[in-house]
């Protein structure tokens, strides 16, 4: 079976950039070849027979490789935004179905042509000139997610879209409305995974792609770049995707954030991060709130939403208030007086007990009660209020 290195691996090889994702096109049964390679390497293979593809992932060592095998194929798009229907074919047809000329190149891996570059669309000159060029005028109509990919690669590689490609991307951006939320979400998650997400989102906005996904969806790159820099250096990697959505939400009006979560069919946790951060970023009361009031505002939101808004809320005072909460609010803070102590002091069981315990916790947060005696004094005042028919802490 003739085998070829293709796509981004060829691009990065020619650019001298290290890469660990290796795409191999096979003129033949790619899953069968993948199984043979997996057997030789003693690594499991994930096969997708319906698509003629298979994947081998190297050991998870932090710099693990991935080998993707695909049977050479041609594609036909039944309608704009739909997934393509694929038919086995030869390398030439496979290269001509790709997104950009810089990805439509291949190196032969075996046979008489081994080591030779195959470049039917002029990808090598475009690579040298740092240009992103589509292969035909219907490319973005066939697959509008290519517009988001163009933005991603232009930001990562610092390439420019050649003039015709730029014109067509802006013309065809509204076609993103025909793409499922899950597919658009996957592309936006790839933007978030870029070394410079702010630049990637800015490039997408410049093409009209963000507005096409949800009206009024935009991100100011100059404002978001520092937030994303801190996000990459301070947020643990497992939490980073969720906090990334919170950074996006922090820069959006609440209604736009809610519409975006719905449009993308975001999983519940990511939707909570996106919308929760927009809610916190819009809460002007946080600018002058006491620590206890900040804690009450934060309580309904997810930890990722709080972290994202602390990094990216447009209002600096809100960022400071949330940052103080994250750094100065002990997670296990509680009153010095126990429930038994409160009952012994005369607090009745039931709602009053919960209300006074909450009052003491707020006083601890605000530095108004640092000893048991301070708390007992607050309890006595709260009991007086109760006897007069008031609500403990009602004016807090």
Protein backbone atom coordinates (compact mmCIF):
# COMPACT_ATOMS: atom_id res chain seq x y z
CA UNK A 1 0.00 0.00 0.00
CA UNK A 2 1.40 3.40 -0.99
CA UNK A 3 1.73 5.65 2.08
CA UNK A 4 2.24 9.41 2.37
CA UNK A 5 2.89 11.94 5.11
CA UNK A 6 0.29 14.70 4.59
CA UNK A 7 -1.25 17.86 5.95
CA UNK A 8 0.00 19.82 8.92
CA UNK A 9 2.93 17.48 9.48
CA UNK A 10 4.31 18.33 6.03
CA UNK A 11 3.73 22.03 6.65
CA UNK A 12 5.58 21.92 9.97
CA UNK A 13 8.37 19.77 8.56
CA UNK A 14 8.99 22.34 5.82
CA UNK A 15 8.83 25.16 8.38
CA UNK A 16 11.25 23.39 10.70
CA UNK A 17 8.66 23.30 13.48
CA UNK A 18 8.50 20.24 15.80
CA UNK A 19 5.30 18.24 15.53
CA UNK A 20 3.80 15.20 17.24
CA UNK A 21 0.53 14.79 15.30
CA UNK A 22 1.36 12.71 12.24
CA UNK A 23 -1.17 12.20 9.45
CA UNK A 24 -0.60 9.35 7.02
CA UNK A 25 -2.70 8.77 3.91
CA UNK A 26 -2.82 5.27 2.51
CA UNK A 27 -3.83 4.23 -0.98
CA UNK A 28 -5.45 1.09 0.37
CA UNK A 29 -6.84 -0.19 3.65
CA UNK A 30 -5.61 2.36 6.23
CA UNK A 31 -7.16 0.62 9.29
CA UNK A 32 -5.43 -2.63 8.32
CA UNK A 33 -2.08 -0.85 8.08
CA UNK A 34 -2.72 0.89 11.42
CA UNK A 35 -3.43 -2.45 13.09
CA UNK A 36 -0.14 -3.83 11.78
CA UNK A 37 1.77 -0.78 13.04
CA UNK A 38 -0.02 -0.90 16.39
CA UNK A 39 0.85 -4.55 16.75
CA UNK A 40 4.52 -3.83 16.01
CA UNK A 41 4.57 -1.02 18.56
CA UNK A 42 2.42 -2.93 21.08
CA UNK A 43 0.05 0.06 21.27
CA UNK A 44 -3.76 -0.18 20.97
CA UNK A 45 -5.40 1.13 17.82
CA UNK A 46 -8.72 3.00 17.61
CA UNK A 47 -10.32 2.25 14.27
CA UNK A 48 -13.22 3.95 12.50
CA UNK A 49 -14.07 1.55 9.70
CA UNK A 50 -16.96 3.67 8.36
CA UNK A 51 -14.53 6.52 7.65
CA UNK A 52 -11.55 4.38 6.64
CA UNK A 53 -9.46 5.86 9.45
CA UNK A 54 -7.58 4.69 12.54
CA UNK A 55 -5.48 6.29 15.26
CA UNK A 56 -2.49 5.20 17.32
CA UNK A 57 -1.67 7.39 20.32
CA UNK A 58 1.76 7.13 21.91
CA UNK A 59 2.24 6.85 25.67
CA UNK A 60 0.87 9.82 27.60
CA UNK A 61 4.20 11.31 28.64
CA UNK A 62 3.40 14.98 28.16
CA UNK A 63 4.88 15.01 24.66
CA UNK A 64 3.17 11.93 23.27
CA UNK A 65 2.70 11.50 19.55
CA UNK A 66 -0.40 10.57 17.59
CA UNK A 67 -0.44 8.68 14.32
CA UNK A 68 -3.59 9.10 12.25
CA UNK A 69 -4.07 6.76 9.29
CA UNK A 70 -6.67 7.52 6.62
CA UNK A 71 -7.57 5.82 3.38
CA UNK A 72 -7.12 8.26 0.49
CA UNK A 73 -10.53 9.59 -0.39
CA UNK A 74 -12.55 12.11 -2.26
CA UNK A 75 -15.44 14.08 -0.74
CA UNK A 76 -18.81 15.41 -1.81
CA UNK A 77 -20.81 17.86 0.29
CA UNK A 78 -24.56 17.23 0.00
CA UNK A 79 -25.34 20.75 1.28
CA UNK A 80 -23.48 23.69 2.85
CA UNK A 81 -22.36 23.00 6.38
CA UNK A 82 -23.09 19.26 6.20
CA UNK A 83 -20.53 16.56 6.85
CA UNK A 84 -19.06 15.24 3.58
CA UNK A 85 -19.78 11.92 1.94
CA UNK A 86 -16.49 10.17 1.31
CA UNK A 87 -15.39 7.68 -1.32
CA UNK A 88 -12.03 5.81 -1.40
CA UNK A 89 -9.72 7.27 -4.02
CA UNK A 90 -6.07 8.12 -4.69
CA UNK A 91 -3.66 10.60 -3.12
CA UNK A 92 -4.19 13.29 -5.78
CA UNK A 93 -7.92 13.42 -5.07
CA UNK A 94 -7.28 13.36 -1.34
CA UNK A 95 -5.02 16.40 -1.52
CA UNK A 96 -7.51 18.34 -3.62
CA UNK A 97 -10.24 17.93 -0.96
CA UNK A 98 -8.19 19.73 1.71
CA UNK A 99 -8.72 23.15 3.20
CA UNK A 100 -5.63 25.20 2.19
CA UNK A 101 -2.75 24.81 -0.23
CA UNK A 102 -0.25 24.62 2.64
CA UNK A 103 -2.07 21.47 3.80
CA UNK A 104 -2.42 19.94 0.32
CA UNK A 105 1.14 18.65 0.18
CA UNK A 106 2.53 15.18 0.83
CA UNK A 107 5.81 13.34 1.21
CA UNK A 108 5.93 9.83 -0.23
CA UNK A 109 7.04 7.40 2.49
CA UNK A 110 7.79 4.34 0.36
CA UNK A 111 8.42 3.13 -3.16
CA UNK A 112 10.52 4.82 -5.89
CA UNK A 113 9.20 8.29 -4.95
CA UNK A 114 10.06 7.96 -1.25
CA UNK A 115 11.08 11.32 0.19
CA UNK A 116 9.73 13.34 -2.70
CA UNK A 117 7.40 16.29 -2.09
CA UNK A 118 4.06 16.10 -3.90
CA UNK A 119 2.51 19.57 -4.23
CA UNK A 120 -0.30 19.79 -6.81
CA UNK A 121 -1.74 23.13 -5.64
CA UNK A 122 1.32 25.33 -5.02
CA UNK A 123 1.47 24.93 -1.27
CA UNK A 124 5.25 25.28 -1.07
CA UNK A 125 5.33 28.78 -2.64
CA UNK A 126 2.44 29.85 -0.39
CA UNK A 127 4.35 28.53 2.60
CA UNK A 128 7.41 30.54 1.56
CA UNK A 129 5.26 33.65 1.10
CA UNK A 130 3.40 33.04 4.40
CA UNK A 131 0.01 32.87 2.70
CA UNK A 132 -3.17 30.95 3.46
CA UNK A 133 -5.04 30.12 0.26
CA UNK A 134 -8.12 27.97 -0.31
CA UNK A 135 -8.17 25.47 -3.15
CA UNK A 136 -11.41 26.57 -4.85
CA UNK A 137 -14.04 29.29 -4.58
CA UNK A 138 -16.68 27.04 -2.93
CA UNK A 139 -14.35 25.85 -0.18
CA UNK A 140 -15.89 27.94 2.61
CA UNK A 141 -19.41 27.19 1.40
CA UNK A 142 -18.74 23.45 1.43
CA UNK A 143 -17.27 23.61 4.94
CA UNK A 144 -17.70 26.97 6.71
CA UNK A 145 -15.60 25.77 9.67
CA UNK A 146 -12.62 26.33 7.38
CA UNK A 147 -13.10 30.05 8.07
CA UNK A 148 -12.36 29.43 11.75
CA UNK A 149 -9.42 27.25 10.77
CA UNK A 150 -8.07 30.03 8.55
CA UNK A 151 -8.22 32.36 11.54
CA UNK A 152 -6.50 29.81 13.76
CA UNK A 153 -3.62 29.13 11.38
CA UNK A 154 -3.13 32.78 10.51
CA UNK A 155 -2.78 33.59 14.22
CA UNK A 156 -0.53 30.65 15.02
CA UNK A 157 1.77 30.87 11.99
CA UNK A 158 1.48 34.66 11.60
CA UNK A 159 0.43 34.13 7.99
CA UNK A 160 -1.97 36.32 6.05
CA UNK A 161 -4.93 35.25 3.95
CA UNK A 162 -4.24 35.85 0.30
CA UNK A 163 -6.64 38.49 -1.10
CA UNK A 164 -9.14 36.18 -2.83
CA UNK A 165 -9.29 33.88 0.20
CA UNK A 166 -9.84 36.86 2.50
CA UNK A 167 -12.67 38.17 0.32
CA UNK A 168 -14.39 34.78 0.19
CA UNK A 169 -13.98 34.16 3.93
CA UNK A 170 -15.70 37.43 4.75
CA UNK A 171 -18.38 36.84 2.12
CA UNK A 172 -19.12 33.31 3.26
CA UNK A 173 -18.87 33.79 7.05
CA UNK A 174 -22.71 33.81 7.41
CA UNK A 175 -22.65 30.17 6.24
CA UNK A 176 -21.40 29.24 9.71
CA UNK A 177 -25.07 29.45 10.71
CA UNK A 178 -25.59 26.20 8.77
CA UNK A 179 -23.06 24.26 10.88
CA UNK A 180 -24.09 22.30 13.96
CA UNK A 181 -23.32 23.73 17.37
CA UNK A 182 -21.09 20.78 18.23
CA UNK A 183 -18.85 21.32 15.20
CA UNK A 184 -18.57 25.06 15.77
CA UNK A 185 -17.84 24.41 19.45
CA UNK A 186 -15.02 22.03 18.51
CA UNK A 187 -13.42 24.72 16.34
CA UNK A 188 -13.73 27.36 19.07
CA UNK A 189 -12.15 24.94 21.54
CA UNK A 190 -9.23 24.64 19.12
CA UNK A 191 -8.96 28.45 19.13
CA UNK A 192 -8.80 28.32 22.93
CA UNK A 193 -6.03 25.71 22.73
CA UNK A 194 -3.83 27.94 20.57
CA UNK A 195 -0.64 29.47 22.01
CA UNK A 196 -2.27 32.91 21.63
CA UNK A 197 -6.06 32.48 21.91
CA UNK A 198 -6.70 36.23 21.91
CA UNK A 199 -5.01 36.59 18.51
CA UNK A 200 -6.92 33.58 17.16
CA UNK A 201 -10.28 34.99 18.29
CA UNK A 202 -9.33 38.41 16.91
CA UNK A 203 -8.56 36.86 13.52
CA UNK A 204 -11.92 35.05 13.58
CA UNK A 205 -13.69 38.29 14.48
CA UNK A 206 -11.95 40.12 11.64
CA UNK A 207 -13.40 37.59 9.19
CA UNK A 208 -16.91 38.06 10.60
CA UNK A 209 -16.95 34.51 11.94
CA UNK A 210 -17.80 35.30 15.56
CA UNK A 211 -20.77 37.52 14.65
CA UNK A 212 -21.95 34.77 12.30
CA UNK A 213 -21.97 32.29 15.18
CA UNK A 214 -23.91 34.58 17.56
CA UNK A 215 -24.80 38.27 17.02
CA UNK A 216 -22.64 40.67 19.03
CA UNK A 217 -20.08 37.92 19.81
CA UNK A 218 -16.74 39.70 19.82
CA UNK A 219 -13.57 39.78 21.90
CA UNK A 220 -11.17 42.70 22.23
CA UNK A 221 -7.75 41.06 21.74
CA UNK A 222 -5.83 43.86 23.44
CA UNK A 223 -7.98 43.44 26.56
CA UNK A 224 -8.09 39.65 26.50
CA UNK A 225 -4.43 38.92 25.73
CA UNK A 226 -3.20 39.53 29.28
CA UNK A 227 -6.06 37.45 30.70
CA UNK A 228 -5.17 34.54 28.44
CA UNK A 229 -1.48 34.90 29.31
CA UNK A 230 -2.27 34.61 33.02
CA UNK A 231 -4.71 31.80 32.27
CA UNK A 232 -1.98 29.78 30.59
CA UNK A 233 0.54 30.36 33.40
CA UNK A 234 -1.65 30.19 36.53
CA UNK A 235 -4.55 27.81 35.82
CA UNK A 236 -3.85 24.05 36.13
CA UNK A 237 -4.16 22.33 32.77
CA UNK A 238 -7.19 20.13 33.66
CA UNK A 239 -9.18 23.26 34.56
CA UNK A 240 -7.94 25.38 31.69
CA UNK A 241 -10.68 24.63 29.11
CA UNK A 242 -13.47 25.53 31.56
CA UNK A 243 -11.74 28.71 32.72
CA UNK A 244 -11.09 29.52 29.04
CA UNK A 245 -14.83 29.59 28.39
CA UNK A 246 -15.18 31.81 31.47
CA UNK A 247 -12.66 34.28 30.03
CA UNK A 248 -14.71 34.41 26.83
CA UNK A 249 -17.89 34.95 28.87
CA UNK A 250 -16.28 37.71 30.94
CA UNK A 251 -15.90 39.80 27.80
CA UNK A 252 -19.52 39.37 26.65
CA UNK A 253 -22.86 40.89 27.68
CA UNK A 254 -24.87 38.37 29.67
CA UNK A 255 -27.50 37.92 26.95
CA UNK A 256 -24.85 37.24 24.32
CA UNK A 257 -23.10 34.73 26.59
CA UNK A 258 -26.37 32.87 27.17
CA UNK A 259 -27.14 32.84 23.43
CA UNK A 260 -23.64 31.56 22.66
CA UNK A 261 -23.92 28.74 25.19
CA UNK A 262 -27.18 27.68 23.58
CA UNK A 263 -25.88 28.01 20.01
CA UNK A 264 -22.86 25.83 20.78
CA UNK A 265 -24.81 23.27 22.82
CA UNK A 266 -22.15 23.68 25.46
CA UNK A 267 -21.91 20.94 28.09
CA UNK A 268 -23.42 22.04 31.40
CA UNK A 269 -20.10 22.74 33.10
CA UNK A 270 -18.77 24.91 30.28
CA UNK A 271 -22.10 26.72 29.93
CA UNK A 272 -21.98 27.49 33.66
CA UNK A 273 -18.45 28.84 33.24
CA UNK A 274 -19.37 31.03 30.26
CA UNK A 275 -22.64 32.44 31.59
CA UNK A 276 -21.51 32.62 35.24
CA UNK A 277 -18.46 34.69 34.31
CA UNK A 278 -20.64 37.06 32.26
CA UNK A 279 -22.95 37.40 35.28
CA UNK A 280 -20.08 38.26 37.62
CA UNK A 281 -18.44 40.64 35.14
CA UNK A 282 -21.73 42.58 34.87
CA UNK A 283 -22.26 42.83 38.65
CA UNK A 284 -21.28 46.46 39.30
CA UNK A 285 -22.11 46.03 43.00
CA UNK A 286 -18.94 43.98 43.40
CA UNK A 287 -16.82 47.11 42.93
CA UNK A 288 -17.58 48.37 46.45
CA UNK A 289 -18.83 45.19 48.10
CA UNK A 290 -17.60 43.85 51.41
CA UNK A 291 -15.90 40.43 51.38
CA UNK A 292 -19.10 38.83 52.67
CA UNK A 293 -21.20 40.37 49.89
CA UNK A 294 -18.64 39.22 47.33
CA UNK A 295 -18.89 35.70 48.77
CA UNK A 296 -22.69 35.78 48.44
CA UNK A 297 -22.43 36.97 44.81
CA UNK A 298 -19.90 34.27 44.00
CA UNK A 299 -21.73 31.41 45.74
CA UNK A 300 -24.13 30.51 42.87
CA UNK A 301 -21.35 30.46 40.27
CA UNK A 302 -18.86 27.74 39.41
CA UNK A 303 -15.21 28.00 40.51
CA UNK A 304 -14.17 28.24 36.83
CA UNK A 305 -16.53 31.19 36.30
CA UNK A 306 -15.02 33.01 39.29
CA UNK A 307 -11.45 32.39 38.10
CA UNK A 308 -12.23 33.50 34.57
CA UNK A 309 -14.01 36.68 35.65
CA UNK A 310 -11.16 37.46 38.06
CA UNK A 311 -8.79 37.33 35.09
CA UNK A 312 -10.86 38.99 32.40
CA UNK A 313 -13.77 41.11 33.68
CA UNK A 314 -13.58 44.47 31.89
CA UNK A 315 -14.02 46.38 35.16
CA UNK A 316 -10.74 46.42 37.08
CA UNK A 317 -12.49 46.86 40.44
CA UNK A 318 -14.54 43.70 39.80
CA UNK A 319 -11.35 41.81 38.92
CA UNK A 320 -9.74 43.01 42.17
CA UNK A 321 -12.77 42.02 44.26
CA UNK A 322 -12.87 38.52 42.76
CA UNK A 323 -9.10 38.10 43.03
CA UNK A 324 -9.26 39.04 46.72
CA UNK A 325 -12.01 36.49 47.21
CA UNK A 326 -9.89 33.77 45.57
CA UNK A 327 -6.73 34.60 47.51
CA UNK A 328 -8.09 35.74 50.88
CA UNK A 329 -11.24 33.66 51.46
CA UNK A 330 -10.24 30.42 53.22
CA UNK A 331 -12.25 27.54 51.76
CA UNK A 332 -13.04 26.12 55.24
CA UNK A 333 -13.79 29.40 57.00
CA UNK A 334 -16.52 28.97 59.64
CA UNK A 335 -17.70 30.73 62.82
CA UNK A 336 -15.85 30.04 66.05
CA UNK A 337 -19.15 29.28 67.80
CA UNK A 338 -20.67 25.92 66.95
CA UNK A 339 -24.39 25.23 66.58
CA UNK A 340 -24.35 23.80 70.10
CA UNK A 341 -22.79 27.03 71.36
CA UNK A 342 -25.53 29.06 69.68
CA UNK A 343 -28.30 26.92 71.17
CA UNK A 344 -26.70 27.21 74.59
CA UNK A 345 -26.68 30.99 74.15
CA UNK A 346 -30.44 30.91 73.60
CA UNK A 347 -30.77 30.78 69.82
CA UNK A 348 -33.85 28.74 68.87
CA UNK A 349 -33.47 25.83 66.49
CA UNK A 350 -34.70 26.27 62.94
CA UNK A 351 -34.41 29.21 60.54
CA UNK A 352 -33.13 31.58 63.24
CA UNK A 353 -30.21 29.26 64.00
CA UNK A 354 -29.22 29.14 60.31
CA UNK A 355 -29.63 32.92 59.94
CA UNK A 356 -27.45 33.74 62.93
CA UNK A 357 -24.79 31.20 61.87
CA UNK A 358 -24.72 32.89 58.45
CA UNK A 359 -24.47 36.30 60.16
CA UNK A 360 -21.42 35.12 62.13
CA UNK A 361 -19.77 33.75 59.01
CA UNK A 362 -20.24 37.09 57.24
CA UNK A 363 -18.79 38.91 60.24
CA UNK A 364 -15.76 36.62 60.14
CA UNK A 365 -15.29 37.32 56.42
CA UNK A 366 -15.51 41.07 56.99
CA UNK A 367 -13.15 41.04 59.98
CA UNK A 368 -15.91 42.20 62.35
CA UNK A 369 -15.63 39.15 64.60
CA UNK A 370 -12.22 37.68 65.34
CA UNK A 371 -12.86 36.08 68.75
CA UNK A 372 -15.57 34.03 70.45
CA UNK A 373 -16.44 37.09 72.53
CA UNK A 374 -17.01 39.12 69.36
CA UNK A 375 -19.33 36.43 68.05
CA UNK A 376 -21.23 36.16 71.36
CA UNK A 377 -21.81 39.93 71.28
CA UNK A 378 -23.23 39.59 67.76
CA UNK A 379 -25.46 36.72 68.91
CA UNK A 380 -26.87 38.82 71.76
CA UNK A 381 -27.66 41.68 69.37
CA UNK A 382 -29.26 39.25 66.92
CA UNK A 383 -31.43 37.77 69.69
CA UNK A 384 -32.57 41.27 70.67
CA UNK A 385 -33.53 41.86 67.06
CA UNK A 386 -35.46 38.59 67.00
CA UNK A 387 -37.39 39.50 70.15
CA UNK A 388 -38.41 42.80 68.53
CA UNK A 389 -39.69 40.87 65.50
CA UNK A 390 -36.78 41.74 63.20
CA UNK A 391 -34.53 39.56 61.08
CA UNK A 392 -31.00 38.83 62.29
CA UNK A 393 -28.53 40.43 59.92
CA UNK A 394 -31.34 41.93 57.84
CA UNK A 395 -29.39 45.14 57.40
CA UNK A 396 -26.08 43.38 56.74
